[in-house]
Amino acid sequence: MNKSSSRGLKLTTVIFAVLIMAVSAILSTTSVADDMDVEQSQSE
């Protein structure tokens, strides 16, 4: 029982870390897109 529970904890930690990385990547991509939109509107 101990091994399976620790394995489940590790799996949950990995999934949690991947989710955080995915969210941060989406947020950084969105902020870059916003910066590009601002530059385009300023050039006009």
PDB file of N, CA and C in Angstrom:
ATOM      1  N   MET A   1       0.845  -1.207   0.000  1.00  0.00           N
ATOM      2  CA  MET A   1       0.000   0.000   0.000  1.00  0.00           C
ATOM      3  C   MET A   1       0.876   1.251   0.000  1.00  0.00           C
ATOM      4  N   ASN A   2       1.974   1.216   0.750  1.00  0.00           N
ATOM      5  CA  ASN A   2       2.823   2.399   0.833  1.00  0.00           C
ATOM      6  C   ASN A   2       3.410   2.774  -0.523  1.00  0.00           C
ATOM      7  N   LYS A   3       3.884   1.775  -1.271  1.00  0.00           N
ATOM      8  CA  LYS A   3       4.512   2.057  -2.566  1.00  0.00           C
ATOM      9  C   LYS A   3       3.506   2.688  -3.526  1.00  0.00           C
ATOM     10  N   SER A   4       2.307   2.142  -3.591  1.00  0.00           N
ATOM     11  CA  SER A   4       1.319   2.653  -4.544  1.00  0.00           C
ATOM     12  C   SER A   4       0.903   4.081  -4.177  1.00  0.00           C
ATOM     13  N   SER A   5       0.797   4.377  -2.892  1.00  0.00           N
ATOM     14  CA  SER A   5       0.376   5.721  -2.490  1.00  0.00           C
ATOM     15  C   SER A   5       1.474   6.740  -2.803  1.00  0.00           C
ATOM     16  N   SER A   6       2.731   6.360  -2.599  1.00  0.00           N
ATOM     17  CA  SER A   6       3.823   7.292  -2.897  1.00  0.00           C
ATOM     18  C   SER A   6       3.938   7.488  -4.402  1.00  0.00           C
ATOM     19  N   ARG A   7       3.672   6.432  -5.161  1.00  0.00           N
ATOM     20  CA  ARG A   7       3.713   6.559  -6.617  1.00  0.00           C
ATOM     21  C   ARG A   7       2.598   7.497  -7.083  1.00  0.00           C
ATOM     22  N   GLY A   8       1.418   7.363  -6.492  1.00  0.00           N
ATOM     23  CA  GLY A   8       0.306   8.232  -6.843  1.00  0.00           C
ATOM     24  C   GLY A   8       0.620   9.681  -6.485  1.00  0.00           C
ATOM     25  N   LEU A   9       1.320   9.870  -5.371  1.00  0.00           N
ATOM     26  CA  LEU A   9       1.689  11.230  -4.961  1.00  0.00           C
ATOM     27  C   LEU A   9       2.669  11.824  -5.966  1.00  0.00           C
ATOM     28  N   LYS A  10       3.644  11.018  -6.409  1.00  0.00           N
ATOM     29  CA  LYS A  10       4.615  11.511  -7.391  1.00  0.00           C
ATOM     30  C   LYS A  10       3.908  11.857  -8.700  1.00  0.00           C
ATOM     31  N   LEU A  11       2.981  10.987  -9.121  1.00  0.00           N
ATOM     32  CA  LEU A  11       2.250  11.227 -10.372  1.00  0.00           C
ATOM     33  C   LEU A  11       1.454  12.523 -10.269  1.00  0.00           C
ATOM     34  N   THR A  12       0.790  12.730  -9.147  1.00  0.00           N
ATOM     35  CA  THR A  12       0.021  13.955  -8.949  1.00  0.00           C
ATOM     36  C   THR A  12       0.938  15.178  -8.986  1.00  0.00           C
ATOM     37  N   THR A  13       2.115  15.057  -8.378  1.00  0.00           N
ATOM     38  CA  THR A  13       3.066  16.174  -8.373  1.00  0.00           C
ATOM     39  C   THR A  13       3.532  16.496  -9.781  1.00  0.00           C
ATOM     40  N   VAL A  14       3.796  15.462 -10.579  1.00  0.00           N
ATOM     41  CA  VAL A  14       4.250  15.665 -11.961  1.00  0.00           C
ATOM     42  C   VAL A  14       3.154  16.345 -12.778  1.00  0.00           C
ATOM     43  N   ILE A  15       1.923  15.851 -12.654  1.00  0.00           N
ATOM     44  CA  ILE A  15       0.805  16.450 -13.393  1.00  0.00           C
ATOM     45  C   ILE A  15       0.623  17.903 -12.968  1.00  0.00           C
ATOM     46  N   PHE A  16       0.724  18.161 -11.668  1.00  0.00           N
ATOM     47  CA  PHE A  16       0.578  19.525 -11.153  1.00  0.00           C
ATOM     48  C   PHE A  16       1.656  20.438 -11.726  1.00  0.00           C
ATOM     49  N   ALA A  17       2.896  19.943 -11.775  1.00  0.00           N
ATOM     50  CA  ALA A  17       4.003  20.737 -12.319  1.00  0.00           C
ATOM     51  C   ALA A  17       3.786  21.014 -13.803  1.00  0.00           C
ATOM     52  N   VAL A  18       3.334  20.009 -14.545  1.00  0.00           N
ATOM     53  CA  VAL A  18       3.087  20.188 -15.983  1.00  0.00           C
ATOM     54  C   VAL A  18       1.980  21.209 -16.200  1.00  0.00           C
ATOM     55  N   LEU A  19       0.937  21.154 -15.381  1.00  0.00           N
ATOM     56  CA  LEU A  19      -0.158  22.119 -15.513  1.00  0.00           C
ATOM     57  C   LEU A  19       0.352  23.533 -15.272  1.00  0.00           C
ATOM     58  N   ILE A  20       1.177  23.714 -14.250  1.00  0.00           N
ATOM     59  CA  ILE A  20       1.729  25.046 -13.948  1.00  0.00           C
ATOM     60  C   ILE A  20       2.573  25.539 -15.125  1.00  0.00           C
ATOM     61  N   MET A  21       3.398  24.650 -15.685  1.00  0.00           N
ATOM     62  CA  MET A  21       4.235  25.033 -16.829  1.00  0.00           C
ATOM     63  C   MET A  21       3.369  25.412 -18.023  1.00  0.00           C
ATOM     64  N   ALA A  22       2.306  24.648 -18.268  1.00  0.00           N
ATOM     65  CA  ALA A  22       1.419  24.928 -19.396  1.00  0.00           C
ATOM     66  C   ALA A  22       0.725  26.277 -19.205  1.00  0.00           C
ATOM     67  N   VAL A  23       0.233  26.537 -18.005  1.00  0.00           N
ATOM     68  CA  VAL A  23      -0.449  27.811 -17.731  1.00  0.00           C
ATOM     69  C   VAL A  23       0.519  28.983 -17.891  1.00  0.00           C
ATOM     70  N   SER A  24       1.729  28.840 -17.368  1.00  0.00           N
ATOM     71  CA  SER A  24       2.713  29.924 -17.477  1.00  0.00           C
ATOM     72  C   SER A  24       3.089  30.146 -18.941  1.00  0.00           C
ATOM     73  N   ALA A  25       3.176  29.078 -19.717  1.00  0.00           N
ATOM     74  CA  ALA A  25       3.497  29.214 -21.143  1.00  0.00           C
ATOM     75  C   ALA A  25       2.370  29.938 -21.862  1.00  0.00           C
ATOM     76  N   ILE A  26       1.120  29.594 -21.542  1.00  0.00           N
ATOM     77  CA  ILE A  26      -0.030  30.257 -22.170  1.00  0.00           C
ATOM     78  C   ILE A  26      -0.048  31.736 -21.783  1.00  0.00           C
ATOM     79  N   LEU A  27       0.213  32.023 -20.511  1.00  0.00           N
ATOM     80  CA  LEU A  27       0.200  33.420 -20.057  1.00  0.00           C
ATOM     81  C   LEU A  27       1.313  34.214 -20.730  1.00  0.00           C
ATOM     82  N   SER A  28       2.493  33.645 -20.849  1.00  0.00           N
ATOM     83  CA  SER A  28       3.604  34.371 -21.472  1.00  0.00           C
ATOM     84  C   SER A  28       3.315  34.578 -22.957  1.00  0.00           C
ATOM     85  N   THR A  29       2.707  33.597 -23.615  1.00  0.00           N
ATOM     86  CA  THR A  29       2.368  33.743 -25.037  1.00  0.00           C
ATOM     87  C   THR A  29       1.318  34.836 -25.202  1.00  0.00           C
ATOM     88  N   THR A  30       0.351  34.871 -24.295  1.00  0.00           N
ATOM     89  CA  THR A  30      -0.706  35.880 -24.371  1.00  0.00           C
ATOM     90  C   THR A  30      -0.120  37.275 -24.152  1.00  0.00           C
ATOM     91  N   SER A  31       0.779  37.432 -23.201  1.00  0.00           N
ATOM     92  CA  SER A  31       1.367  38.744 -22.926  1.00  0.00           C
ATOM     93  C   SER A  31       2.206  39.197 -24.117  1.00  0.00           C
ATOM     94  N   VAL A  32       2.896  38.279 -24.779  1.00  0.00           N
ATOM     95  CA  VAL A  32       3.686  38.635 -25.967  1.00  0.00           C
ATOM     96  C   VAL A  32       2.746  39.092 -27.072  1.00  0.00           C
ATOM     97  N   ALA A  33       1.624  38.392 -27.252  1.00  0.00           N
ATOM     98  CA  ALA A  33       0.656  38.775 -28.278  1.00  0.00           C
ATOM     99  C   ALA A  33       0.094  40.159 -27.957  1.00  0.00           C
ATOM    100  N   ASP A  34      -0.164  40.434 -26.691  1.00  0.00           N
ATOM    101  CA  ASP A  34      -0.667  41.756 -26.303  1.00  0.00           C
ATOM    102  C   ASP A  34       0.377  42.830 -26.618  1.00  0.00           C
ATOM    103  N   ASP A  35       1.634  42.552 -26.354  1.00  0.00           N
ATOM    104  CA  ASP A  35       2.694  43.518 -26.655  1.00  0.00           C
ATOM    105  C   ASP A  35       2.751  43.785 -28.154  1.00  0.00           C
ATOM    106  N   MET A  36       2.606  42.762 -28.972  1.00  0.00           N
ATOM    107  CA  MET A  36       2.639  42.937 -30.421  1.00  0.00           C
ATOM    108  C   MET A  36       1.459  43.797 -30.876  1.00  0.00           C
ATOM    109  N   ASP A  37       0.298  43.552 -30.302  1.00  0.00           N
ATOM    110  CA  ASP A  37      -0.879  44.351 -30.662  1.00  0.00           C
ATOM    111  C   ASP A  37      -0.639  45.824 -30.302  1.00  0.00           C
ATOM    112  N   VAL A  38      -0.035  46.064 -29.152  1.00  0.00           N
ATOM    113  CA  VAL A  38       0.227  47.441 -28.729  1.00  0.00           C
ATOM    114  C   VAL A  38       1.197  48.103 -29.689  1.00  0.00           C
ATOM    115  N   GLU A  39       2.247  47.387 -30.106  1.00  0.00           N
ATOM    116  CA  GLU A  39       3.235  47.966 -31.034  1.00  0.00           C
ATOM    117  C   GLU A  39       2.582  48.294 -32.366  1.00  0.00           C
ATOM    118  N   GLN A  40       1.710  47.422 -32.858  1.00  0.00           N
ATOM    119  CA  GLN A  40       1.053  47.656 -34.138  1.00  0.00           C
ATOM    120  C   GLN A  40       0.139  48.873 -34.054  1.00  0.00           C
ATOM    121  N   SER A  41      -0.608  49.010 -32.970  1.00  0.00           N
ATOM    122  CA  SER A  41      -1.520  50.144 -32.854  1.00  0.00           C
ATOM    123  C   SER A  41      -0.744  51.447 -32.717  1.00  0.00           C
ATOM    124  N   GLN A  42       0.437  51.401 -32.099  1.00  0.00           N
ATOM    125  CA  GLN A  42       1.243  52.613 -31.962  1.00  0.00           C
ATOM    126  C   GLN A  42       1.837  53.021 -33.308  1.00  0.00           C
ATOM    127  N   SER A  43       2.205  52.066 -34.155  1.00  0.00           N
ATOM    128  CA  SER A  43       2.818  52.377 -35.439  1.00  0.00           C
ATOM    129  C   SER A  43       1.797  52.993 -36.395  1.00  0.00           C
ATOM    130  N   GLU A  44       0.522  52.699 -36.192  1.00  0.00           N
ATOM    131  CA  GLU A  44      -0.504  53.282 -37.054  1.00  0.00           C
ATOM    132  C   GLU A  44      -0.757  54.690 -36.659  1.00  0.00           C
TER     133      GLU A  44
END
